Amino acid sequence: MNRNDVIIRFENKGEYREVENLIRESFWNVYRPGCSEHYVIHVLRDDPAFVKELDFVMEKDGVLIGQNMFMKTVINADDGRDVEVLTMGPICITPELKRKGYGKRLLDYSLEKAAELGFGAVLFEGNIDFYGKSGFGYARKFGIRYHDLPEDADDSFFLCRELIPGYLDDITGIYQTPQGYYVEDTDVEEFDKAFPPKEKLNCRVSCSDSEIN
């Protein structure tokens, strides 16, 4: 995609570290002191569930300003089936360009390509105020429950969008986060030593307050 001021294209292997640093800058001190997202994508690229055909970066004036990626996962349906779906992220826009519309353009493009590849639905954790603008709704409305979440717990963070209309009809069940997203803090700390030093501070915002739009 090349729409006036930006290009959205596949991530190249030679820019992995640059993308990881972009993610690090975007997430640093947002949800926790420091961040782990840059290590998460480092790990996920080698995961069999990683979808290489949906590994995107956004470029503006020759500079990387955003990225998004997808992983395959499943819903353990109540009728015994495993229903294949996608999850998404990390997705980010460089901090100085957040809230300028670039994130939505990257998101919508990514979802369009996922649909073209025949994937049926995307489920992930996010803010409905932003992701609702791109067609996401609460996963509970589809009858999908977040794994390990108590029945009476707040699940407003858990979102879903069908890419194929009706894909989740007559399906209820439990969504499973790919295991690759679960990383050890000690591994994150070791990986982070390869990047420029940054001060860790208390989180600036809650999960519902920081979005890429």
N, C-alpha and C. Protein backbone atom coordinates (compact mmCIF):
# COMPACT_ATOMS: atom_id res chain seq x y z
N MET A 1 0.85 -1.20 0.00
CA MET A 1 0.00 0.00 0.00
C MET A 1 0.88 1.24 0.00
N ASN A 2 0.57 2.18 -0.87
CA ASN A 2 1.25 3.48 -0.88
C ASN A 2 0.18 4.54 -1.06
N ARG A 3 -0.26 5.12 0.05
CA ARG A 3 -1.32 6.12 -0.01
C ARG A 3 -0.76 7.46 0.42
N ASN A 4 -0.34 8.24 -0.58
CA ASN A 4 0.21 9.56 -0.35
C ASN A 4 1.47 9.52 0.51
N ASP A 5 1.32 9.70 1.83
CA ASP A 5 2.50 9.92 2.67
C ASP A 5 3.05 8.68 3.32
N VAL A 6 2.42 7.50 3.18
CA VAL A 6 2.93 6.31 3.85
C VAL A 6 2.94 5.10 2.91
N ILE A 7 3.80 4.15 3.24
CA ILE A 7 3.86 2.86 2.58
C ILE A 7 3.65 1.79 3.65
N ILE A 8 2.78 0.84 3.39
CA ILE A 8 2.63 -0.33 4.26
C ILE A 8 3.13 -1.53 3.46
N ARG A 9 4.08 -2.25 4.03
CA ARG A 9 4.72 -3.36 3.32
C ARG A 9 5.10 -4.45 4.32
N PHE A 10 5.64 -5.55 3.80
CA PHE A 10 6.10 -6.63 4.66
C PHE A 10 7.37 -6.21 5.41
N GLU A 11 7.51 -6.72 6.61
CA GLU A 11 8.74 -6.52 7.37
C GLU A 11 9.87 -7.32 6.73
N ASN A 12 11.05 -6.73 6.64
CA ASN A 12 12.23 -7.41 6.13
C ASN A 12 13.09 -7.91 7.28
N LYS A 13 13.73 -9.05 7.08
CA LYS A 13 14.56 -9.63 8.14
C LYS A 13 15.65 -8.67 8.59
N GLY A 14 16.21 -7.92 7.66
CA GLY A 14 17.30 -7.02 7.99
C GLY A 14 16.91 -5.86 8.89
N GLU A 15 15.62 -5.63 9.07
CA GLU A 15 15.18 -4.52 9.91
C GLU A 15 14.53 -5.00 11.20
N TYR A 16 14.70 -6.26 11.55
CA TYR A 16 14.09 -6.79 12.76
C TYR A 16 14.44 -5.94 13.99
N ARG A 17 15.73 -5.64 14.17
CA ARG A 17 16.13 -4.90 15.36
C ARG A 17 15.55 -3.48 15.34
N GLU A 18 15.49 -2.87 14.17
CA GLU A 18 14.89 -1.53 14.08
C GLU A 18 13.41 -1.57 14.47
N VAL A 19 12.71 -2.60 14.03
CA VAL A 19 11.30 -2.74 14.38
C VAL A 19 11.15 -3.00 15.88
N GLU A 20 12.01 -3.83 16.42
CA GLU A 20 11.96 -4.09 17.86
C GLU A 20 12.18 -2.81 18.66
N ASN A 21 13.10 -1.97 18.20
CA ASN A 21 13.34 -0.71 18.90
C ASN A 21 12.14 0.23 18.76
N LEU A 22 11.49 0.22 17.60
CA LEU A 22 10.28 1.00 17.41
C LEU A 22 9.20 0.57 18.41
N ILE A 23 9.01 -0.73 18.55
CA ILE A 23 8.04 -1.26 19.51
C ILE A 23 8.43 -0.86 20.93
N ARG A 24 9.69 -0.98 21.24
CA ARG A 24 10.18 -0.62 22.58
C ARG A 24 9.87 0.85 22.89
N GLU A 25 10.14 1.73 21.95
CA GLU A 25 9.87 3.16 22.16
C GLU A 25 8.37 3.41 22.35
N SER A 26 7.56 2.68 21.61
CA SER A 26 6.12 2.90 21.65
C SER A 26 5.50 2.42 22.97
N PHE A 27 6.01 1.31 23.51
CA PHE A 27 5.39 0.71 24.69
C PHE A 27 6.11 1.03 26.01
N TRP A 28 7.24 1.70 25.94
CA TRP A 28 8.05 1.89 27.15
C TRP A 28 7.28 2.67 28.21
N ASN A 29 7.21 2.11 29.39
CA ASN A 29 6.55 2.73 30.55
C ASN A 29 5.06 3.01 30.33
N VAL A 30 4.43 2.27 29.42
CA VAL A 30 3.00 2.48 29.19
C VAL A 30 2.17 1.57 30.10
N TYR A 31 2.34 0.26 29.95
CA TYR A 31 1.54 -0.67 30.74
C TYR A 31 2.28 -1.22 31.95
N ARG A 32 3.58 -1.00 32.00
CA ARG A 32 4.42 -1.48 33.08
C ARG A 32 5.71 -0.68 33.05
N PRO A 33 6.50 -0.67 34.12
CA PRO A 33 7.82 -0.05 34.03
C PRO A 33 8.66 -0.75 32.96
N GLY A 34 9.18 0.01 32.01
CA GLY A 34 9.82 -0.60 30.86
C GLY A 34 8.78 -1.21 29.94
N CYS A 35 9.10 -2.32 29.29
CA CYS A 35 8.11 -3.04 28.48
C CYS A 35 8.69 -4.39 28.09
N SER A 36 7.82 -5.26 27.61
CA SER A 36 8.25 -6.58 27.14
C SER A 36 7.89 -6.83 25.68
N GLU A 37 7.13 -5.93 25.08
CA GLU A 37 6.58 -6.18 23.74
C GLU A 37 7.66 -6.38 22.68
N HIS A 38 8.78 -5.67 22.81
CA HIS A 38 9.84 -5.81 21.81
C HIS A 38 10.47 -7.21 21.87
N TYR A 39 10.52 -7.80 23.05
CA TYR A 39 11.01 -9.16 23.18
C TYR A 39 9.96 -10.16 22.70
N VAL A 40 8.71 -9.86 22.97
CA VAL A 40 7.62 -10.74 22.53
C VAL A 40 7.67 -10.96 21.02
N ILE A 41 7.80 -9.88 20.24
CA ILE A 41 7.83 -10.07 18.78
C ILE A 41 9.10 -10.80 18.36
N HIS A 42 10.19 -10.56 19.07
CA HIS A 42 11.43 -11.28 18.78
C HIS A 42 11.22 -12.78 18.91
N VAL A 43 10.49 -13.19 19.92
CA VAL A 43 10.20 -14.61 20.15
C VAL A 43 9.17 -15.14 19.15
N LEU A 44 8.14 -14.34 18.90
CA LEU A 44 7.03 -14.83 18.08
C LEU A 44 7.42 -15.07 16.63
N ARG A 45 8.39 -14.35 16.12
CA ARG A 45 8.77 -14.54 14.71
C ARG A 45 9.19 -15.97 14.41
N ASP A 46 9.68 -16.68 15.42
CA ASP A 46 10.11 -18.06 15.23
C ASP A 46 9.05 -19.07 15.66
N ASP A 47 7.88 -18.59 16.02
CA ASP A 47 6.81 -19.47 16.47
C ASP A 47 6.07 -20.02 15.24
N PRO A 48 5.75 -21.31 15.21
CA PRO A 48 5.01 -21.87 14.07
C PRO A 48 3.67 -21.19 13.82
N ALA A 49 3.09 -20.56 14.85
CA ALA A 49 1.80 -19.90 14.68
C ALA A 49 1.92 -18.50 14.08
N PHE A 50 3.14 -17.99 13.95
CA PHE A 50 3.35 -16.65 13.39
C PHE A 50 2.96 -16.64 11.92
N VAL A 51 2.19 -15.63 11.51
CA VAL A 51 1.72 -15.55 10.12
C VAL A 51 2.61 -14.57 9.36
N LYS A 52 3.58 -15.09 8.64
CA LYS A 52 4.55 -14.25 7.94
C LYS A 52 3.88 -13.38 6.88
N GLU A 53 2.77 -13.89 6.35
CA GLU A 53 2.07 -13.13 5.30
C GLU A 53 1.30 -11.94 5.86
N LEU A 54 1.29 -11.81 7.19
CA LEU A 54 0.59 -10.69 7.83
C LEU A 54 1.51 -9.96 8.80
N ASP A 55 2.78 -9.86 8.42
CA ASP A 55 3.80 -9.19 9.23
C ASP A 55 4.15 -7.88 8.53
N PHE A 56 3.54 -6.78 9.00
CA PHE A 56 3.60 -5.53 8.27
C PHE A 56 4.37 -4.44 9.04
N VAL A 57 4.96 -3.54 8.25
CA VAL A 57 5.50 -2.29 8.79
C VAL A 57 4.91 -1.13 7.99
N MET A 58 4.86 0.01 8.64
CA MET A 58 4.43 1.26 7.99
C MET A 58 5.64 2.20 7.92
N GLU A 59 5.82 2.78 6.75
CA GLU A 59 6.98 3.63 6.49
C GLU A 59 6.51 5.01 6.03
N LYS A 60 7.12 6.05 6.57
CA LYS A 60 6.81 7.42 6.17
C LYS A 60 8.11 8.15 5.88
N ASP A 61 8.23 8.65 4.66
CA ASP A 61 9.45 9.37 4.25
C ASP A 61 10.70 8.54 4.50
N GLY A 62 10.61 7.25 4.24
CA GLY A 62 11.75 6.36 4.38
C GLY A 62 12.06 5.92 5.80
N VAL A 63 11.21 6.29 6.76
CA VAL A 63 11.44 5.95 8.16
C VAL A 63 10.32 5.04 8.64
N LEU A 64 10.66 3.99 9.37
CA LEU A 64 9.65 3.11 9.94
C LEU A 64 8.90 3.83 11.06
N ILE A 65 7.57 3.84 10.96
CA ILE A 65 6.77 4.53 11.99
C ILE A 65 5.74 3.62 12.64
N GLY A 66 5.57 2.39 12.13
CA GLY A 66 4.56 1.53 12.71
C GLY A 66 4.73 0.09 12.28
N GLN A 67 4.07 -0.81 12.99
CA GLN A 67 4.12 -2.24 12.64
C GLN A 67 2.89 -2.94 13.20
N ASN A 68 2.58 -4.09 12.60
CA ASN A 68 1.53 -4.96 13.11
C ASN A 68 1.82 -6.38 12.66
N MET A 69 1.39 -7.34 13.45
CA MET A 69 1.59 -8.75 13.11
C MET A 69 0.47 -9.59 13.71
N PHE A 70 0.33 -10.83 13.20
CA PHE A 70 -0.75 -11.71 13.61
C PHE A 70 -0.20 -13.10 13.94
N MET A 71 -0.93 -13.78 14.83
CA MET A 71 -0.63 -15.15 15.20
C MET A 71 -1.89 -16.00 15.05
N LYS A 72 -1.70 -17.25 14.63
CA LYS A 72 -2.81 -18.20 14.61
C LYS A 72 -3.05 -18.72 16.02
N THR A 73 -4.31 -18.89 16.36
CA THR A 73 -4.67 -19.53 17.62
C THR A 73 -6.03 -20.18 17.45
N VAL A 74 -6.63 -20.62 18.56
CA VAL A 74 -7.89 -21.35 18.45
C VAL A 74 -8.87 -20.92 19.53
N ILE A 75 -10.13 -21.17 19.25
CA ILE A 75 -11.19 -21.18 20.25
C ILE A 75 -11.51 -22.64 20.54
N ASN A 76 -11.38 -23.02 21.81
CA ASN A 76 -11.82 -24.35 22.21
C ASN A 76 -13.34 -24.31 22.37
N ALA A 77 -14.04 -24.72 21.33
CA ALA A 77 -15.50 -24.60 21.31
C ALA A 77 -16.14 -25.57 22.30
N ASP A 78 -17.29 -25.17 22.80
CA ASP A 78 -18.01 -25.98 23.77
C ASP A 78 -18.48 -27.31 23.19
N ASP A 79 -18.55 -27.40 21.86
CA ASP A 79 -18.99 -28.66 21.24
C ASP A 79 -17.82 -29.59 20.93
N GLY A 80 -16.61 -29.20 21.40
CA GLY A 80 -15.46 -30.07 21.23
C GLY A 80 -14.53 -29.72 20.08
N ARG A 81 -14.95 -28.84 19.21
CA ARG A 81 -14.11 -28.44 18.09
C ARG A 81 -13.05 -27.44 18.53
N ASP A 82 -11.94 -27.36 17.78
CA ASP A 82 -10.99 -26.26 17.87
C ASP A 82 -11.19 -25.40 16.62
N VAL A 83 -11.62 -24.16 16.83
CA VAL A 83 -11.94 -23.26 15.73
C VAL A 83 -10.77 -22.30 15.53
N GLU A 84 -10.17 -22.34 14.36
CA GLU A 84 -8.99 -21.51 14.10
C GLU A 84 -9.37 -20.04 13.95
N VAL A 85 -8.66 -19.19 14.65
CA VAL A 85 -8.83 -17.74 14.56
C VAL A 85 -7.45 -17.11 14.60
N LEU A 86 -7.42 -15.79 14.48
CA LEU A 86 -6.19 -15.03 14.61
C LEU A 86 -6.21 -14.21 15.89
N THR A 87 -5.03 -13.93 16.41
CA THR A 87 -4.87 -12.85 17.36
C THR A 87 -3.86 -11.88 16.77
N MET A 88 -3.73 -10.71 17.39
CA MET A 88 -2.99 -9.63 16.75
C MET A 88 -2.08 -8.94 17.75
N GLY A 89 -0.96 -8.45 17.25
CA GLY A 89 -0.12 -7.60 18.05
C GLY A 89 1.13 -8.29 18.56
N PRO A 90 2.14 -7.50 18.97
CA PRO A 90 2.00 -6.06 19.17
C PRO A 90 1.77 -5.29 17.87
N ILE A 91 0.97 -4.23 18.03
CA ILE A 91 0.75 -3.26 16.96
C ILE A 91 1.10 -1.90 17.54
N CYS A 92 1.86 -1.10 16.79
CA CYS A 92 2.26 0.19 17.35
C CYS A 92 2.51 1.22 16.26
N ILE A 93 2.47 2.47 16.69
CA ILE A 93 2.89 3.63 15.91
C ILE A 93 3.90 4.38 16.76
N THR A 94 4.92 4.93 16.12
CA THR A 94 5.93 5.68 16.86
C THR A 94 5.27 6.76 17.71
N PRO A 95 5.74 6.98 18.94
CA PRO A 95 5.02 7.86 19.88
C PRO A 95 4.66 9.24 19.34
N GLU A 96 5.55 9.86 18.58
CA GLU A 96 5.28 11.22 18.13
C GLU A 96 4.19 11.30 17.06
N LEU A 97 3.78 10.15 16.50
CA LEU A 97 2.74 10.16 15.47
C LEU A 97 1.46 9.45 15.91
N LYS A 98 1.37 9.11 17.19
CA LYS A 98 0.13 8.53 17.69
C LYS A 98 -0.99 9.55 17.63
N ARG A 99 -2.22 9.05 17.53
CA ARG A 99 -3.43 9.87 17.51
C ARG A 99 -3.49 10.83 16.33
N LYS A 100 -2.90 10.40 15.22
CA LYS A 100 -2.95 11.18 13.99
C LYS A 100 -3.56 10.38 12.83
N GLY A 101 -4.14 9.24 13.14
CA GLY A 101 -4.82 8.43 12.12
C GLY A 101 -3.98 7.35 11.49
N TYR A 102 -2.67 7.34 11.75
CA TYR A 102 -1.82 6.33 11.12
C TYR A 102 -2.14 4.93 11.64
N GLY A 103 -2.42 4.82 12.92
CA GLY A 103 -2.71 3.51 13.49
C GLY A 103 -3.93 2.87 12.88
N LYS A 104 -4.97 3.63 12.66
CA LYS A 104 -6.18 3.08 12.07
C LYS A 104 -5.93 2.64 10.62
N ARG A 105 -5.14 3.42 9.90
CA ARG A 105 -4.83 3.03 8.52
C ARG A 105 -4.06 1.71 8.49
N LEU A 106 -3.11 1.56 9.39
CA LEU A 106 -2.35 0.32 9.47
C LEU A 106 -3.24 -0.83 9.88
N LEU A 107 -4.08 -0.60 10.87
CA LEU A 107 -4.98 -1.65 11.34
C LEU A 107 -5.95 -2.09 10.26
N ASP A 108 -6.60 -1.16 9.62
CA ASP A 108 -7.59 -1.51 8.61
C ASP A 108 -6.96 -2.24 7.43
N TYR A 109 -5.77 -1.81 7.03
CA TYR A 109 -5.06 -2.49 5.94
C TYR A 109 -4.74 -3.93 6.35
N SER A 110 -4.24 -4.10 7.57
CA SER A 110 -3.87 -5.42 8.06
C SER A 110 -5.06 -6.36 8.09
N LEU A 111 -6.19 -5.86 8.57
CA LEU A 111 -7.40 -6.68 8.64
C LEU A 111 -7.91 -7.05 7.25
N GLU A 112 -7.80 -6.12 6.33
CA GLU A 112 -8.21 -6.39 4.96
C GLU A 112 -7.39 -7.53 4.36
N LYS A 113 -6.08 -7.50 4.60
CA LYS A 113 -5.21 -8.55 4.08
C LYS A 113 -5.48 -9.90 4.76
N ALA A 114 -5.76 -9.86 6.06
CA ALA A 114 -6.10 -11.10 6.77
C ALA A 114 -7.36 -11.72 6.19
N ALA A 115 -8.34 -10.89 5.88
CA ALA A 115 -9.58 -11.39 5.28
C ALA A 115 -9.31 -11.98 3.90
N GLU A 116 -8.45 -11.33 3.12
CA GLU A 116 -8.13 -11.83 1.78
C GLU A 116 -7.47 -13.20 1.83
N LEU A 117 -6.75 -13.48 2.93
CA LEU A 117 -6.10 -14.78 3.08
C LEU A 117 -7.06 -15.85 3.59
N GLY A 118 -8.30 -15.47 3.88
CA GLY A 118 -9.31 -16.44 4.26
C GLY A 118 -9.47 -16.70 5.73
N PHE A 119 -8.83 -15.89 6.58
CA PHE A 119 -9.01 -16.07 8.02
C PHE A 119 -10.39 -15.56 8.43
N GLY A 120 -10.97 -16.26 9.43
CA GLY A 120 -12.37 -16.01 9.74
C GLY A 120 -12.65 -14.96 10.78
N ALA A 121 -11.72 -14.79 11.76
CA ALA A 121 -11.98 -13.87 12.86
C ALA A 121 -10.68 -13.51 13.55
N VAL A 122 -10.67 -12.34 14.20
CA VAL A 122 -9.54 -11.88 14.99
C VAL A 122 -10.03 -11.59 16.40
N LEU A 123 -9.33 -12.12 17.40
CA LEU A 123 -9.64 -11.84 18.81
C LEU A 123 -8.37 -11.37 19.50
N PHE A 124 -8.49 -10.35 20.34
CA PHE A 124 -7.32 -9.87 21.06
C PHE A 124 -7.76 -8.91 22.16
N GLU A 125 -6.77 -8.39 22.88
CA GLU A 125 -7.03 -7.48 23.99
C GLU A 125 -6.81 -6.04 23.52
N GLY A 126 -7.81 -5.18 23.75
CA GLY A 126 -7.66 -3.79 23.33
C GLY A 126 -8.78 -2.92 23.85
N ASN A 127 -8.75 -1.67 23.43
CA ASN A 127 -9.70 -0.64 23.86
C ASN A 127 -10.81 -0.51 22.82
N ILE A 128 -12.04 -0.78 23.22
CA ILE A 128 -13.17 -0.71 22.29
C ILE A 128 -13.35 0.67 21.70
N ASP A 129 -12.97 1.72 22.42
CA ASP A 129 -13.15 3.08 21.91
C ASP A 129 -12.36 3.31 20.63
N PHE A 130 -11.20 2.66 20.52
CA PHE A 130 -10.42 2.77 19.29
C PHE A 130 -10.75 1.65 18.31
N TYR A 131 -10.64 0.42 18.76
CA TYR A 131 -10.78 -0.71 17.85
C TYR A 131 -12.22 -0.91 17.37
N GLY A 132 -13.17 -0.36 18.12
CA GLY A 132 -14.55 -0.40 17.64
C GLY A 132 -14.74 0.35 16.33
N LYS A 133 -13.89 1.34 16.07
CA LYS A 133 -13.97 2.10 14.82
C LYS A 133 -13.55 1.27 13.62
N SER A 134 -12.91 0.15 13.88
CA SER A 134 -12.50 -0.76 12.80
C SER A 134 -13.28 -2.07 12.83
N GLY A 135 -14.46 -2.03 13.46
CA GLY A 135 -15.37 -3.16 13.38
C GLY A 135 -15.29 -4.17 14.50
N PHE A 136 -14.49 -3.92 15.52
CA PHE A 136 -14.40 -4.86 16.64
C PHE A 136 -15.55 -4.63 17.62
N GLY A 137 -15.96 -5.72 18.25
CA GLY A 137 -16.96 -5.65 19.31
C GLY A 137 -16.49 -6.50 20.48
N TYR A 138 -17.26 -6.50 21.55
CA TYR A 138 -16.91 -7.31 22.71
C TYR A 138 -17.04 -8.79 22.34
N ALA A 139 -16.01 -9.56 22.69
CA ALA A 139 -16.02 -10.99 22.35
C ALA A 139 -17.18 -11.73 23.01
N ARG A 140 -17.61 -11.23 24.17
CA ARG A 140 -18.72 -11.89 24.87
C ARG A 140 -19.98 -11.92 24.01
N LYS A 141 -20.15 -10.92 23.15
CA LYS A 141 -21.33 -10.88 22.29
C LYS A 141 -21.32 -12.00 21.24
N PHE A 142 -20.14 -12.56 21.01
CA PHE A 142 -20.02 -13.69 20.09
C PHE A 142 -20.06 -15.02 20.84
N GLY A 143 -20.19 -14.95 22.17
CA GLY A 143 -20.20 -16.16 22.97
C GLY A 143 -18.82 -16.73 23.23
N ILE A 144 -17.78 -15.89 23.10
CA ILE A 144 -16.41 -16.34 23.30
C ILE A 144 -15.90 -15.81 24.63
N ARG A 145 -15.32 -16.71 25.42
CA ARG A 145 -14.81 -16.37 26.75
C ARG A 145 -13.28 -16.37 26.74
N TYR A 146 -12.72 -15.49 27.56
CA TYR A 146 -11.26 -15.39 27.67
C TYR A 146 -10.76 -16.44 28.64
N HIS A 147 -9.74 -17.18 28.26
CA HIS A 147 -9.24 -18.26 29.10
C HIS A 147 -8.78 -17.75 30.47
N ASP A 148 -9.02 -18.55 31.47
CA ASP A 148 -8.57 -18.28 32.84
C ASP A 148 -9.20 -17.04 33.47
N LEU A 149 -10.20 -16.46 32.84
CA LEU A 149 -10.84 -15.27 33.41
C LEU A 149 -12.05 -15.70 34.23
N PRO A 150 -12.11 -15.32 35.51
CA PRO A 150 -13.27 -15.67 36.33
C PRO A 150 -14.57 -15.19 35.70
N GLU A 151 -15.63 -15.92 35.94
CA GLU A 151 -16.91 -15.66 35.28
C GLU A 151 -17.44 -14.26 35.53
N ASP A 152 -17.18 -13.70 36.72
CA ASP A 152 -17.72 -12.39 37.06
C ASP A 152 -16.71 -11.26 36.84
N ALA A 153 -15.57 -11.55 36.20
CA ALA A 153 -14.54 -10.54 35.99
C ALA A 153 -14.86 -9.65 34.80
N ASP A 154 -14.30 -8.46 34.80
CA ASP A 154 -14.48 -7.52 33.69
C ASP A 154 -13.78 -8.07 32.45
N ASP A 155 -14.52 -8.25 31.38
CA ASP A 155 -13.94 -8.76 30.13
C ASP A 155 -14.03 -7.74 29.01
N SER A 156 -14.18 -6.46 29.36
CA SER A 156 -14.37 -5.43 28.34
C SER A 156 -13.11 -5.20 27.49
N PHE A 157 -11.99 -5.75 27.93
CA PHE A 157 -10.74 -5.64 27.17
C PHE A 157 -10.68 -6.65 26.03
N PHE A 158 -11.55 -7.65 26.06
CA PHE A 158 -11.45 -8.79 25.15
C PHE A 158 -12.36 -8.55 23.95
N LEU A 159 -11.75 -8.36 22.78
CA LEU A 159 -12.46 -7.91 21.60
C LEU A 159 -12.42 -8.94 20.48
N CYS A 160 -13.38 -8.81 19.57
CA CYS A 160 -13.48 -9.76 18.46
C CYS A 160 -14.02 -9.05 17.23
N ARG A 161 -13.51 -9.46 16.08
CA ARG A 161 -14.10 -9.04 14.80
C ARG A 161 -14.12 -10.22 13.85
N GLU A 162 -15.27 -10.50 13.30
CA GLU A 162 -15.36 -11.50 12.24
C GLU A 162 -14.82 -10.89 10.94
N LEU A 163 -13.98 -11.65 10.26
CA LEU A 163 -13.50 -11.26 8.94
C LEU A 163 -14.35 -11.91 7.85
N ILE A 164 -14.92 -13.07 8.18
CA ILE A 164 -15.91 -13.73 7.33
C ILE A 164 -17.24 -13.64 8.06
N PRO A 165 -18.20 -12.91 7.51
CA PRO A 165 -19.48 -12.78 8.20
C PRO A 165 -20.09 -14.14 8.53
N GLY A 166 -20.50 -14.31 9.80
CA GLY A 166 -21.10 -15.55 10.23
C GLY A 166 -20.11 -16.63 10.63
N TYR A 167 -18.81 -16.33 10.60
CA TYR A 167 -17.80 -17.34 10.90
C TYR A 167 -17.96 -17.93 12.30
N LEU A 168 -18.40 -17.11 13.24
CA LEU A 168 -18.56 -17.57 14.62
C LEU A 168 -20.00 -17.90 14.98
N ASP A 169 -20.88 -17.95 14.00
CA ASP A 169 -22.26 -18.35 14.27
C ASP A 169 -22.29 -19.74 14.90
N ASP A 170 -23.12 -19.88 15.93
CA ASP A 170 -23.32 -21.18 16.59
C ASP A 170 -22.06 -21.71 17.28
N ILE A 171 -21.07 -20.81 17.50
CA ILE A 171 -19.86 -21.21 18.21
C ILE A 171 -19.78 -20.46 19.53
N THR A 172 -19.67 -21.19 20.61
CA THR A 172 -19.33 -20.62 21.91
C THR A 172 -18.12 -21.40 22.42
N GLY A 173 -17.31 -20.74 23.24
CA GLY A 173 -16.14 -21.45 23.74
C GLY A 173 -15.11 -20.54 24.35
N ILE A 174 -13.93 -21.08 24.55
CA ILE A 174 -12.85 -20.39 25.26
C ILE A 174 -11.70 -20.10 24.30
N TYR A 175 -11.34 -18.83 24.25
CA TYR A 175 -10.20 -18.38 23.43
C TYR A 175 -8.90 -18.67 24.16
N GLN A 176 -7.90 -19.14 23.39
CA GLN A 176 -6.59 -19.45 23.96
C GLN A 176 -5.53 -18.51 23.41
N THR A 177 -4.86 -17.77 24.29
CA THR A 177 -3.74 -16.94 23.88
C THR A 177 -2.56 -17.83 23.51
N PRO A 178 -1.91 -17.61 22.37
CA PRO A 178 -0.73 -18.42 22.02
C PRO A 178 0.33 -18.36 23.12
N GLN A 179 0.94 -19.48 23.40
CA GLN A 179 1.91 -19.55 24.49
C GLN A 179 3.11 -18.64 24.28
N GLY A 180 3.42 -18.31 23.02
CA GLY A 180 4.57 -17.45 22.74
C GLY A 180 4.48 -16.07 23.35
N TYR A 181 3.28 -15.64 23.69
CA TYR A 181 3.12 -14.32 24.29
C TYR A 181 3.56 -14.29 25.76
N TYR A 182 3.69 -15.45 26.35
CA TYR A 182 4.07 -15.51 27.76
C TYR A 182 5.60 -15.61 27.87
N VAL A 183 6.22 -14.53 28.24
CA VAL A 183 7.68 -14.49 28.33
C VAL A 183 8.11 -14.24 29.77
N GLU A 184 9.30 -14.68 30.09
CA GLU A 184 9.84 -14.52 31.44
C GLU A 184 10.50 -13.15 31.58
N ASP A 185 10.28 -12.51 32.73
CA ASP A 185 10.88 -11.20 32.98
C ASP A 185 12.40 -11.25 32.89
N THR A 186 13.00 -12.32 33.34
CA THR A 186 14.46 -12.41 33.28
C THR A 186 14.95 -12.44 31.83
N ASP A 187 14.20 -13.09 30.95
CA ASP A 187 14.58 -13.12 29.53
C ASP A 187 14.40 -11.74 28.90
N VAL A 188 13.34 -11.04 29.29
CA VAL A 188 13.12 -9.68 28.79
C VAL A 188 14.27 -8.77 29.21
N GLU A 189 14.67 -8.88 30.48
CA GLU A 189 15.76 -8.04 31.00
C GLU A 189 17.05 -8.29 30.24
N GLU A 190 17.35 -9.53 29.99
CA GLU A 190 18.58 -9.88 29.27
C GLU A 190 18.54 -9.36 27.83
N PHE A 191 17.41 -9.54 27.17
CA PHE A 191 17.26 -9.06 25.80
C PHE A 191 17.37 -7.55 25.72
N ASP A 192 16.82 -6.87 26.71
CA ASP A 192 16.78 -5.41 26.69
C ASP A 192 18.17 -4.79 26.80
N LYS A 193 19.13 -5.54 27.27
CA LYS A 193 20.49 -5.00 27.42
C LYS A 193 21.12 -4.64 26.09
N ALA A 194 20.59 -5.18 25.01
CA ALA A 194 21.13 -4.90 23.68
C ALA A 194 20.64 -3.57 23.11
N PHE A 195 19.75 -2.88 23.84
CA PHE A 195 19.17 -1.62 23.38
C PHE A 195 19.71 -0.46 24.22
N PRO A 196 19.57 0.77 23.71
CA PRO A 196 20.04 1.93 24.49
C PRO A 196 19.36 1.99 25.85
N PRO A 197 20.08 2.36 26.90
CA PRO A 197 19.49 2.42 28.24
C PRO A 197 18.33 3.40 28.30
N LYS A 198 17.27 3.01 29.02
CA LYS A 198 16.11 3.87 29.23
C LYS A 198 15.66 3.71 30.67
N GLU A 199 15.16 4.79 31.26
CA GLU A 199 14.72 4.75 32.64
C GLU A 199 13.34 4.12 32.74
N LYS A 200 13.19 3.21 33.68
CA LYS A 200 11.90 2.60 33.93
C LYS A 200 11.14 3.44 34.95
N LEU A 201 9.90 3.76 34.61
CA LEU A 201 9.05 4.56 35.49
C LEU A 201 7.74 3.83 35.70
N ASN A 202 6.97 4.27 36.67
CA ASN A 202 5.64 3.72 36.86
C ASN A 202 4.81 3.95 35.62
N CYS A 203 3.88 3.05 35.33
CA CYS A 203 3.08 3.13 34.12
C CYS A 203 2.35 4.46 34.03
N ARG A 204 2.33 5.04 32.84
CA ARG A 204 1.70 6.34 32.64
C ARG A 204 0.19 6.24 32.54
N VAL A 205 -0.29 5.13 31.97
CA VAL A 205 -1.70 5.04 31.62
C VAL A 205 -2.22 3.65 31.90
N SER A 206 -3.53 3.52 31.91
CA SER A 206 -4.14 2.20 32.00
C SER A 206 -4.25 1.62 30.60
N CYS A 207 -4.56 0.33 30.55
CA CYS A 207 -4.66 -0.36 29.25
C CYS A 207 -5.69 0.30 28.34
N SER A 208 -6.69 0.91 28.91
CA SER A 208 -7.76 1.48 28.09
C SER A 208 -7.45 2.89 27.61
N ASP A 209 -6.33 3.46 28.05
CA ASP A 209 -6.05 4.86 27.76
C ASP A 209 -5.05 5.08 26.64
N SER A 210 -4.27 4.08 26.30
CA SER A 210 -3.19 4.27 25.32
C SER A 210 -3.46 3.46 24.08
N GLU A 211 -3.79 4.15 22.99
CA GLU A 211 -4.02 3.45 21.74
C GLU A 211 -3.28 4.16 20.61
N ILE A 212 -3.20 3.48 19.48
CA ILE A 212 -2.30 3.90 18.43
C ILE A 212 -2.92 4.83 17.41
N ASN A 213 -4.25 5.02 17.49
CA ASN A 213 -4.99 5.60 16.37
C ASN A 213 -4.30 6.79 15.76
